[in-house]
Amino acid sequence: MMSDAEKDHGSSSLQSVAHGELEYQAPASRESRYQKWARSIRGLETRGIEPVPLHERLDPSAAGLLHMLLIWFSMGMSLNNIVVGSLGTLVMQLSFSDAILCAIFGNLLGGMAVGWMSTWGPRSGHRTLIVARYFMGYHPSKICCLLNILTNLGYGMMNSMVGGQLLAKLSGGTVSVIVGIVIVALASWAMATFGMRIFQLYERFAWLPQLIILCVLTGSAGPYFDFHSPSVGSLEQINWADIYDGTPGGLLMAGYSRLGVFGKICAAINVVTVVSNNAPGCYSMAMNFQMIGDMWAKIPRPVFTVLSTITYAVCAIGGRNSLYEIFKNFLPLIGYWVIIWFTIVAEQDLFFNQRDFDWSAWNVRPKLPVGMAASVAFLVGWVGAIIGMSQVYYTGPIAQAIEGGCDLGIWLGFGFTAVIFPLLRILELRIIGR
């Protein structure tokens, strides 16, 4: 899910190519008239899933690494991540310290996996899920594309709901939640379609005001933090009942309530962070649609950006009153498939490829793995995830056997995949040869 500029920070010196890489890669298929029309629109980004040519990539530098660090740091402090953190205490009934520990170590584990996967983009010049073709095969990798589309649709829906609720609270009811959702979705669409360079420039500096605002929020809400004495407060009190209505937007506005106008300014900046964090997912979904097949690649990327935005905005409007339930039920599904995919990629690279890739063969199916081993391992990993999951909609037999309940879906999905994939891949190489 990396933008064009992210690929720019790769270098030709980092290429690991078995048979050499062309100076310029042809696109997946002949350019359609719709693509030509899209290119004629000034300011519209139209680069599709074809690799970034070597002459357009920049050599790695300290400034480039700092740029990437600041982009991810800024996105990590976005408002929607505060909402994810609040799930621990508000929904899962964890103590404050337990919720903090889960957030810290969960982010460390997830960040290491994402960081390692991100290195493939600069090295190859490809989108991350194009690189998946080298590990899972041309057709099986499409499963990951579809799952990533669903993942980003879910995040787009939730980000829009959070931003819409905050706008509604910020306006004092003048702007409805529905209108707020539409505003956030349209702003995200505009940035993903026309303004990714603006997004990258913004994220270089956005971390500072966001960090200041988080400190302000902590200081403003700090007097209400009481971890020892039992609470005797009541939501029936008018000043809190008017602000906090069980929604993330209401929760944040309650934290800013002591700051008056300045608190509203801080909340408005929070809304901007939601938009800037929503745009990359919208941008990425369009790429994933084009990766499904050659016919899809002929459709201009902005078309998919529009369709994706409409889809998650409509879903956000429909589920605007059930945000925490959607968060709780949706987030584990992301972890299940991502850990299975990550395991396949890591083992394929560690045991079989050893960084020996022909990056020019990204769209040449006979030179890519067949993917039978990866497909079966992916399904087996899902079996492990299902028997270990503990969710509202289903609890697996292993999770049921644990007193008090425990979701082991991610760990069992990882374990099942890690054991079965190397065996199947060895068998596939001996029988098929690739």
Protein backbone atom coordinates (compact mmCIF):
# COMPACT_ATOMS: atom_id res chain seq x y z
CA MET A 1 0.00 0.00 0.00
CA MET A 2 2.77 2.37 -0.90
CA SER A 3 2.49 5.44 -3.05
CA ASP A 4 4.64 6.37 -6.03
CA ALA A 5 6.88 8.62 -3.97
CA GLU A 6 7.51 5.81 -1.52
CA LYS A 7 8.92 3.76 -4.37
CA ASP A 8 11.14 6.69 -5.29
CA HIS A 9 13.24 6.10 -2.22
CA GLY A 10 14.42 2.78 -3.58
CA SER A 11 17.63 2.47 -5.50
CA SER A 12 18.88 0.52 -8.45
CA SER A 13 21.75 -0.55 -6.22
CA LEU A 14 19.27 -2.46 -4.09
CA GLN A 15 17.97 -4.57 -6.94
CA SER A 16 18.23 -8.34 -6.61
CA VAL A 17 17.69 -9.57 -10.13
CA ALA A 18 18.46 -13.00 -11.48
CA HIS A 19 18.25 -12.22 -15.17
CA GLY A 20 18.57 -8.45 -15.27
CA GLU A 21 15.95 -5.73 -15.13
CA LEU A 22 14.84 -3.61 -18.01
CA GLU A 23 15.45 0.12 -17.86
CA TYR A 24 11.75 0.64 -18.45
CA GLN A 25 8.98 -1.87 -17.86
CA ALA A 26 6.00 -2.00 -20.16
CA PRO A 27 2.60 -1.68 -18.51
CA ALA A 28 0.48 -4.74 -17.85
CA SER A 29 -1.43 -4.25 -21.09
CA ARG A 30 -1.89 -1.76 -23.91
CA GLU A 31 -3.12 1.61 -22.72
CA SER A 32 -6.87 1.97 -23.17
CA ARG A 33 -8.61 5.10 -24.43
CA TYR A 34 -9.97 5.63 -20.92
CA GLN A 35 -6.42 5.66 -19.55
CA LYS A 36 -5.41 8.18 -22.22
CA TRP A 37 -8.39 10.32 -21.25
CA ALA A 38 -7.40 10.17 -17.57
CA ARG A 39 -3.83 11.20 -18.38
CA SER A 40 -5.15 14.27 -20.18
CA ILE A 41 -6.62 15.64 -16.93
CA ARG A 42 -4.13 18.00 -15.32
CA GLY A 43 -3.01 17.01 -11.84
CA LEU A 44 -4.65 13.57 -11.94
CA GLU A 45 -2.35 10.74 -10.87
CA THR A 46 -2.67 7.91 -13.36
CA ARG A 47 0.32 5.63 -12.77
CA GLY A 48 -1.06 2.14 -12.42
CA ILE A 49 0.47 -1.12 -11.27
CA GLU A 50 3.41 -1.09 -13.69
CA PRO A 51 6.81 -0.84 -11.98
CA VAL A 52 8.50 2.49 -11.39
CA PRO A 53 11.31 2.77 -13.99
CA LEU A 54 14.87 2.78 -12.69
CA HIS A 55 15.54 6.30 -13.92
CA GLU A 56 12.65 7.62 -11.79
CA ARG A 57 13.92 6.07 -8.55
CA LEU A 58 16.11 8.01 -6.15
CA ASP A 59 19.14 6.70 -4.35
CA PRO A 60 18.61 5.97 -0.65
CA SER A 61 19.58 8.82 1.64
CA ALA A 62 19.22 9.92 5.24
CA ALA A 63 16.68 12.54 4.14
CA GLY A 64 14.60 9.92 2.36
CA LEU A 65 14.61 7.61 5.36
CA LEU A 66 13.62 10.49 7.62
CA HIS A 67 10.81 11.37 5.21
CA MET A 68 9.41 7.83 5.43
CA LEU A 69 9.77 7.83 9.20
CA LEU A 70 7.85 11.08 9.56
CA ILE A 71 5.07 9.92 7.21
CA TRP A 72 4.44 6.78 9.23
CA PHE A 73 4.89 8.63 12.52
CA SER A 74 2.28 11.21 11.50
CA MET A 75 -0.17 8.55 10.34
CA GLY A 76 0.37 6.60 13.54
CA MET A 77 -0.85 9.54 15.64
CA SER A 78 -4.08 9.92 13.72
CA LEU A 79 -7.41 10.13 15.52
CA ASN A 80 -8.63 6.70 14.40
CA ASN A 81 -5.73 5.05 16.24
CA ILE A 82 -6.93 6.67 19.45
CA VAL A 83 -10.27 4.98 18.86
CA VAL A 84 -8.59 1.59 18.38
CA GLY A 85 -6.76 2.07 21.67
CA SER A 86 -9.99 2.92 23.47
CA LEU A 87 -11.40 -0.49 22.56
CA GLY A 88 -9.30 -2.07 25.30
CA THR A 89 -11.01 -0.31 28.19
CA LEU A 90 -14.42 0.61 26.75
CA VAL A 91 -15.27 -2.60 24.90
CA MET A 92 -12.92 -5.40 26.01
CA GLN A 93 -13.06 -4.42 29.69
CA LEU A 94 -9.27 -4.42 30.10
CA SER A 95 -7.59 -2.41 32.80
CA PHE A 96 -5.81 0.77 31.75
CA SER A 97 -2.35 -0.77 32.20
CA ASP A 98 -3.31 -3.96 30.34
CA ALA A 99 -4.69 -1.92 27.45
CA ILE A 100 -1.46 0.10 27.25
CA LEU A 101 0.70 -3.05 27.22
CA CYS A 102 -1.44 -4.61 24.49
CA ALA A 103 -1.20 -1.45 22.40
CA ILE A 104 2.58 -1.15 22.78
CA PHE A 105 3.52 -4.76 22.08
CA GLY A 106 0.86 -5.16 19.41
CA ASN A 107 2.25 -2.14 17.59
CA LEU A 108 5.82 -3.42 17.92
CA LEU A 109 4.98 -6.81 16.43
CA GLY A 110 2.82 -5.34 13.69
CA GLY A 111 5.34 -2.61 12.93
CA MET A 112 8.20 -5.07 12.47
CA ALA A 113 6.15 -7.14 10.02
CA VAL A 114 4.97 -4.09 8.07
CA GLY A 115 8.46 -2.60 8.05
CA TRP A 116 9.98 -5.76 6.60
CA MET A 117 7.27 -6.08 3.95
CA SER A 118 7.77 -2.43 2.98
CA THR A 119 11.37 -3.06 1.96
CA TRP A 120 10.22 -5.01 -1.09
CA GLY A 121 8.77 -1.93 -2.77
CA PRO A 122 11.99 0.11 -3.09
CA ARG A 123 13.97 -3.01 -3.92
CA SER A 124 11.73 -4.11 -6.78
CA GLY A 125 9.98 -0.92 -7.92
CA HIS A 126 6.67 -2.77 -7.55
CA ARG A 127 3.60 -2.37 -5.40
CA THR A 128 3.74 -4.67 -2.39
CA LEU A 129 0.93 -6.92 -3.61
CA ILE A 130 2.55 -7.19 -7.04
CA VAL A 131 5.59 -8.57 -5.20
CA ALA A 132 3.20 -11.13 -3.68
CA ARG A 133 3.06 -12.76 -7.12
CA TYR A 134 6.67 -13.88 -6.64
CA PHE A 135 5.73 -15.68 -3.44
CA MET A 136 2.19 -16.95 -4.06
CA GLY A 137 1.84 -17.06 -7.83
CA TYR A 138 -0.10 -14.89 -10.26
CA HIS A 139 -3.63 -16.07 -9.51
CA PRO A 140 -3.40 -16.93 -5.77
CA SER A 141 -2.01 -13.45 -5.03
CA LYS A 142 -5.34 -12.03 -6.19
CA ILE A 143 -6.88 -13.40 -2.99
CA CYS A 144 -4.65 -11.06 -1.01
CA CYS A 145 -5.66 -8.17 -3.29
CA LEU A 146 -9.34 -8.83 -2.62
CA LEU A 147 -8.76 -9.15 1.11
CA ASN A 148 -6.76 -5.93 1.14
CA ILE A 149 -9.61 -4.17 -0.67
CA LEU A 150 -12.02 -5.35 2.02
CA THR A 151 -9.57 -4.29 4.73
CA ASN A 152 -9.22 -0.78 3.33
CA LEU A 153 -12.97 -0.48 2.77
CA GLY A 154 -13.44 -1.34 6.43
CA TYR A 155 -10.89 1.20 7.58
CA GLY A 156 -12.30 3.83 5.24
CA MET A 157 -15.75 3.21 6.68
CA MET A 158 -14.53 3.49 10.27
CA ASN A 159 -12.37 6.55 9.64
CA SER A 160 -15.30 8.29 7.99
CA MET A 161 -17.57 7.46 10.91
CA VAL A 162 -15.07 8.79 13.46
CA GLY A 163 -14.51 11.98 11.46
CA GLY A 164 -18.23 12.44 10.85
CA GLN A 165 -19.08 12.04 14.53
CA LEU A 166 -16.40 14.52 15.53
CA LEU A 167 -17.59 17.06 12.95
CA ALA A 168 -21.14 16.69 14.24
CA LYS A 169 -20.01 17.32 17.81
CA LEU A 170 -17.73 20.14 16.73
CA SER A 171 -20.57 21.95 14.95
CA GLY A 172 -22.91 21.64 17.90
CA GLY A 173 -25.40 19.66 15.84
CA THR A 174 -25.46 22.01 12.86
CA VAL A 175 -23.71 19.36 10.77
CA SER A 176 -25.25 15.90 11.04
CA VAL A 177 -23.13 12.76 11.33
CA ILE A 178 -24.19 11.79 7.80
CA VAL A 179 -23.03 15.10 6.36
CA GLY A 180 -19.80 14.81 8.34
CA ILE A 181 -19.17 11.35 6.89
CA VAL A 182 -19.71 12.66 3.37
CA ILE A 183 -17.32 15.57 3.99
CA VAL A 184 -14.57 13.26 5.28
CA ALA A 185 -15.08 10.81 2.40
CA LEU A 186 -14.97 13.54 -0.25
CA ALA A 187 -11.85 15.10 1.25
CA SER A 188 -10.18 11.68 1.35
CA TRP A 189 -11.14 11.02 -2.27
CA ALA A 190 -9.76 14.37 -3.41
CA MET A 191 -6.43 13.80 -1.67
CA ALA A 192 -6.13 10.23 -3.00
CA THR A 193 -6.99 11.30 -6.56
CA PHE A 194 -5.24 14.63 -6.97
CA GLY A 195 -3.14 15.34 -3.95
CA MET A 196 -0.84 12.48 -2.92
CA ARG A 197 2.15 14.78 -3.26
CA ILE A 198 0.35 17.25 -1.03
CA PHE A 199 -0.35 14.39 1.36
CA GLN A 200 3.33 13.45 1.52
CA LEU A 201 4.35 17.06 2.09
CA TYR A 202 1.70 17.45 4.79
CA GLU A 203 2.73 14.28 6.60
CA ARG A 204 6.34 15.45 6.85
CA PHE A 205 5.25 18.17 9.25
CA ALA A 206 1.88 16.97 10.58
CA TRP A 207 3.43 14.95 13.39
CA LEU A 208 4.36 18.08 15.36
CA PRO A 209 0.89 19.65 15.74
CA GLN A 210 -0.59 16.18 16.23
CA LEU A 211 1.88 15.43 19.02
CA ILE A 212 1.13 18.78 20.65
CA ILE A 213 -2.61 18.17 20.43
CA LEU A 214 -2.28 14.71 21.98
CA CYS A 215 -0.35 16.26 24.85
CA VAL A 216 -3.04 18.93 25.20
CA LEU A 217 -5.74 16.24 25.22
CA THR A 218 -3.89 14.29 27.89
CA GLY A 219 -3.52 17.39 30.03
CA SER A 220 -7.14 18.43 29.56
CA ALA A 221 -8.61 15.01 30.30
CA GLY A 222 -6.00 14.12 32.93
CA PRO A 223 -8.02 15.33 35.94
CA TYR A 224 -10.69 12.79 35.03
CA PHE A 225 -8.23 9.87 35.12
CA ASP A 226 -8.87 8.02 38.37
CA PHE A 227 -7.56 4.49 38.61
CA HIS A 228 -7.94 3.94 42.35
CA SER A 229 -11.09 5.31 43.96
CA PRO A 230 -14.46 4.01 42.71
CA SER A 231 -16.27 6.43 40.44
CA VAL A 232 -19.32 8.21 41.82
CA GLY A 233 -19.98 10.25 38.70
CA SER A 234 -23.03 9.83 36.52
CA LEU A 235 -23.62 10.30 32.82
CA GLU A 236 -26.90 11.84 33.83
CA GLN A 237 -25.03 15.00 34.73
CA ILE A 238 -26.04 17.53 32.13
CA ASN A 239 -22.56 18.78 31.24
CA TRP A 240 -21.32 15.25 30.41
CA ALA A 241 -24.52 13.83 29.01
CA ASP A 242 -24.65 16.61 26.44
CA ILE A 243 -21.10 15.92 25.29
CA TYR A 244 -20.50 12.20 25.69
CA ASP A 245 -23.02 9.98 23.93
CA GLY A 246 -21.04 6.75 23.69
CA THR A 247 -19.38 7.66 20.38
CA PRO A 248 -15.64 8.24 19.79
CA GLY A 249 -16.40 11.78 18.63
CA GLY A 250 -18.29 12.46 21.82
CA LEU A 251 -15.51 10.93 23.90
CA LEU A 252 -12.87 13.19 22.36
CA MET A 253 -15.00 16.32 22.63
CA ALA A 254 -15.52 15.48 26.30
CA GLY A 255 -11.75 15.47 26.69
CA TYR A 256 -11.51 18.92 25.11
CA SER A 257 -14.53 20.31 26.99
CA ARG A 258 -12.45 22.34 29.47
CA LEU A 259 -10.59 24.22 26.70
CA GLY A 260 -13.44 26.14 25.07
CA VAL A 261 -12.67 27.49 21.59
CA PHE A 262 -9.11 26.18 21.67
CA GLY A 263 -10.49 22.69 22.30
CA LYS A 264 -12.63 22.99 19.18
CA ILE A 265 -9.59 24.02 17.15
CA CYS A 266 -7.76 20.93 18.41
CA ALA A 267 -10.74 18.76 17.47
CA ALA A 268 -10.80 20.30 13.98
CA ILE A 269 -7.15 19.37 13.50
CA ASN A 270 -8.05 15.84 14.60
CA VAL A 271 -10.54 15.67 11.73
CA VAL A 272 -7.81 16.65 9.27
CA THR A 273 -5.66 13.78 10.56
CA VAL A 274 -8.51 11.38 9.81
CA VAL A 275 -8.64 12.58 6.21
CA SER A 276 -4.89 12.32 5.73
CA ASN A 277 -4.90 8.81 7.18
CA ASN A 278 -7.86 7.73 5.07
CA ALA A 279 -6.40 8.84 1.72
CA PRO A 280 -3.61 6.20 1.45
CA GLY A 281 -6.11 3.36 1.86
CA CYS A 282 -8.32 4.81 -0.86
CA TYR A 283 -5.24 5.20 -3.07
CA SER A 284 -4.17 1.62 -2.39
CA MET A 285 -7.58 0.08 -3.13
CA ALA A 286 -7.51 1.40 -6.69
CA MET A 287 -4.17 -0.37 -7.23
CA ASN A 288 -5.52 -3.59 -5.79
CA PHE A 289 -8.46 -3.55 -8.19
CA GLN A 290 -6.07 -3.22 -11.12
CA MET A 291 -4.04 -6.19 -9.86
CA ILE A 292 -7.00 -8.54 -10.18
CA GLY A 293 -6.48 -8.99 -13.92
CA ASP A 294 -5.46 -7.43 -17.22
CA MET A 295 -9.00 -6.26 -18.00
CA TRP A 296 -9.17 -4.48 -14.66
CA ALA A 297 -5.78 -2.87 -15.29
CA LYS A 298 -7.19 -1.12 -18.39
CA ILE A 299 -9.62 0.87 -16.24
CA PRO A 300 -8.10 4.17 -15.01
CA ARG A 301 -7.19 4.12 -11.34
CA PRO A 302 -9.33 7.20 -10.48
CA VAL A 303 -12.45 5.23 -11.43
CA PHE A 304 -11.73 2.70 -8.70
CA THR A 305 -10.95 5.51 -6.27
CA VAL A 306 -14.43 6.94 -6.86
CA LEU A 307 -16.15 3.56 -6.50
CA SER A 308 -14.23 2.74 -3.33
CA THR A 309 -15.08 6.08 -1.76
CA ILE A 310 -18.78 5.71 -2.53
CA THR A 311 -18.80 2.17 -1.12
CA TYR A 312 -17.21 2.91 2.25
CA ALA A 313 -19.13 6.18 2.64
CA VAL A 314 -22.47 4.39 2.16
CA CYS A 315 -21.41 1.67 4.62
CA ALA A 316 -20.30 4.31 7.12
CA ILE A 317 -23.67 6.05 6.92
CA GLY A 318 -25.46 2.74 7.47
CA GLY A 319 -23.31 1.74 10.45
CA ARG A 320 -22.77 5.16 12.03
CA ASN A 321 -24.46 4.12 15.30
CA SER A 322 -22.49 0.89 15.78
CA LEU A 323 -18.86 1.97 15.40
CA TYR A 324 -17.38 0.15 18.37
CA GLU A 325 -19.13 -3.10 17.48
CA ILE A 326 -17.86 -2.84 13.90
CA PHE A 327 -14.35 -2.14 15.15
CA LYS A 328 -14.43 -5.11 17.51
CA ASN A 329 -15.71 -7.55 14.88
CA PHE A 330 -13.69 -6.26 11.94
CA LEU A 331 -10.16 -5.76 13.28
CA PRO A 332 -9.42 -9.44 14.12
CA LEU A 333 -10.25 -10.51 10.57
CA ILE A 334 -7.42 -8.29 9.31
CA GLY A 335 -4.92 -9.94 11.63
CA TYR A 336 -5.94 -13.45 10.59
CA TRP A 337 -5.23 -13.13 6.87
CA VAL A 338 -2.25 -10.79 7.19
CA ILE A 339 -0.29 -13.11 9.50
CA ILE A 340 -0.95 -16.06 7.19
CA TRP A 341 0.24 -14.10 4.15
CA PHE A 342 3.27 -12.74 6.01
CA THR A 343 4.29 -16.26 7.04
CA ILE A 344 4.16 -17.52 3.45
CA VAL A 345 6.22 -14.57 2.17
CA ALA A 346 8.82 -14.87 4.94
CA GLU A 347 9.31 -18.62 4.51
CA GLN A 348 9.40 -18.43 0.72
CA ASP A 349 12.10 -15.77 0.90
CA LEU A 350 14.08 -17.43 3.69
CA PHE A 351 14.07 -21.04 2.48
CA PHE A 352 13.52 -20.96 -1.27
CA ASN A 353 14.17 -17.69 -3.12
CA GLN A 354 17.13 -16.32 -1.16
CA ARG A 355 16.62 -12.88 -2.75
CA ASP A 356 17.06 -14.25 -6.28
CA PHE A 357 14.28 -12.56 -8.26
CA ASP A 358 13.68 -11.50 -11.84
CA TRP A 359 11.68 -8.35 -11.25
CA SER A 360 11.03 -7.94 -14.98
CA ALA A 361 8.82 -11.06 -14.93
CA TRP A 362 6.15 -9.51 -12.72
CA ASN A 363 3.45 -10.05 -15.36
CA VAL A 364 4.88 -13.18 -17.04
CA ARG A 365 2.92 -16.06 -15.55
CA PRO A 366 5.20 -18.94 -16.69
CA LYS A 367 8.09 -17.36 -14.76
CA LEU A 368 6.11 -16.97 -11.54
CA PRO A 369 5.31 -19.72 -9.01
CA VAL A 370 2.23 -21.80 -9.77
CA GLY A 371 1.01 -21.06 -6.27
CA MET A 372 -0.59 -24.38 -5.36
CA ALA A 373 1.54 -24.73 -2.22
CA ALA A 374 0.79 -21.16 -1.15
CA SER A 375 -2.94 -21.57 -1.83
CA VAL A 376 -3.25 -24.76 0.22
CA ALA A 377 -1.11 -23.31 3.02
CA PHE A 378 -3.27 -20.18 3.02
CA LEU A 379 -6.41 -22.30 3.46
CA VAL A 380 -4.78 -24.43 6.16
CA GLY A 381 -3.77 -21.26 7.97
CA TRP A 382 -7.38 -20.13 7.89
CA VAL A 383 -8.41 -23.47 9.42
CA GLY A 384 -6.08 -22.71 12.32
CA ALA A 385 -7.47 -19.19 12.64
CA ILE A 386 -11.07 -20.41 12.63
CA ILE A 387 -10.64 -23.12 15.27
CA GLY A 388 -8.81 -20.65 17.51
CA MET A 389 -10.94 -17.53 17.06
CA SER A 390 -13.23 -16.17 19.74
CA GLN A 391 -15.58 -13.62 18.23
CA VAL A 392 -19.19 -12.60 18.64
CA TYR A 393 -20.14 -14.36 15.42
CA TYR A 394 -18.14 -17.57 16.06
CA THR A 395 -16.02 -19.23 18.74
CA GLY A 396 -13.71 -22.04 17.66
CA PRO A 397 -13.40 -25.32 19.59
CA ILE A 398 -9.92 -24.53 20.92
CA ALA A 399 -11.02 -21.09 22.12
CA GLN A 400 -14.06 -22.68 23.78
CA ALA A 401 -11.84 -25.11 25.67
CA ILE A 402 -9.98 -22.27 27.39
CA GLU A 403 -11.61 -21.13 30.60
CA GLY A 404 -12.63 -17.50 30.38
CA GLY A 405 -12.23 -17.41 26.60
CA CYS A 406 -9.21 -16.48 24.55
CA ASP A 407 -8.74 -15.63 20.88
CA LEU A 408 -5.82 -17.67 19.53
CA GLY A 409 -6.79 -17.28 15.88
CA ILE A 410 -3.75 -15.23 14.87
CA TRP A 411 -1.26 -17.54 16.58
CA LEU A 412 -2.81 -20.77 15.32
CA GLY A 413 -3.09 -19.32 11.81
CA PHE A 414 0.62 -18.49 11.97
CA GLY A 415 1.56 -21.91 13.36
CA PHE A 416 -0.47 -23.97 10.90
CA THR A 417 0.90 -21.99 7.94
CA ALA A 418 4.51 -22.08 9.18
CA VAL A 419 4.45 -25.87 9.47
CA ILE A 420 2.62 -26.81 6.27
CA PHE A 421 3.93 -24.32 3.70
CA PRO A 422 7.61 -25.46 3.50
CA LEU A 423 6.53 -29.07 3.06
CA LEU A 424 4.05 -28.22 0.32
CA ARG A 425 6.51 -25.89 -1.41
CA ILE A 426 9.20 -28.59 -1.54
CA LEU A 427 6.66 -30.98 -3.04
CA GLU A 428 5.53 -28.34 -5.56
CA LEU A 429 9.10 -27.64 -6.68
CA ARG A 430 9.86 -31.34 -7.16
CA ILE A 431 6.70 -32.05 -9.16
CA ILE A 432 6.15 -28.81 -11.10
CA GLY A 433 9.59 -27.22 -10.95
CA ARG A 434 8.60 -23.63 -10.14
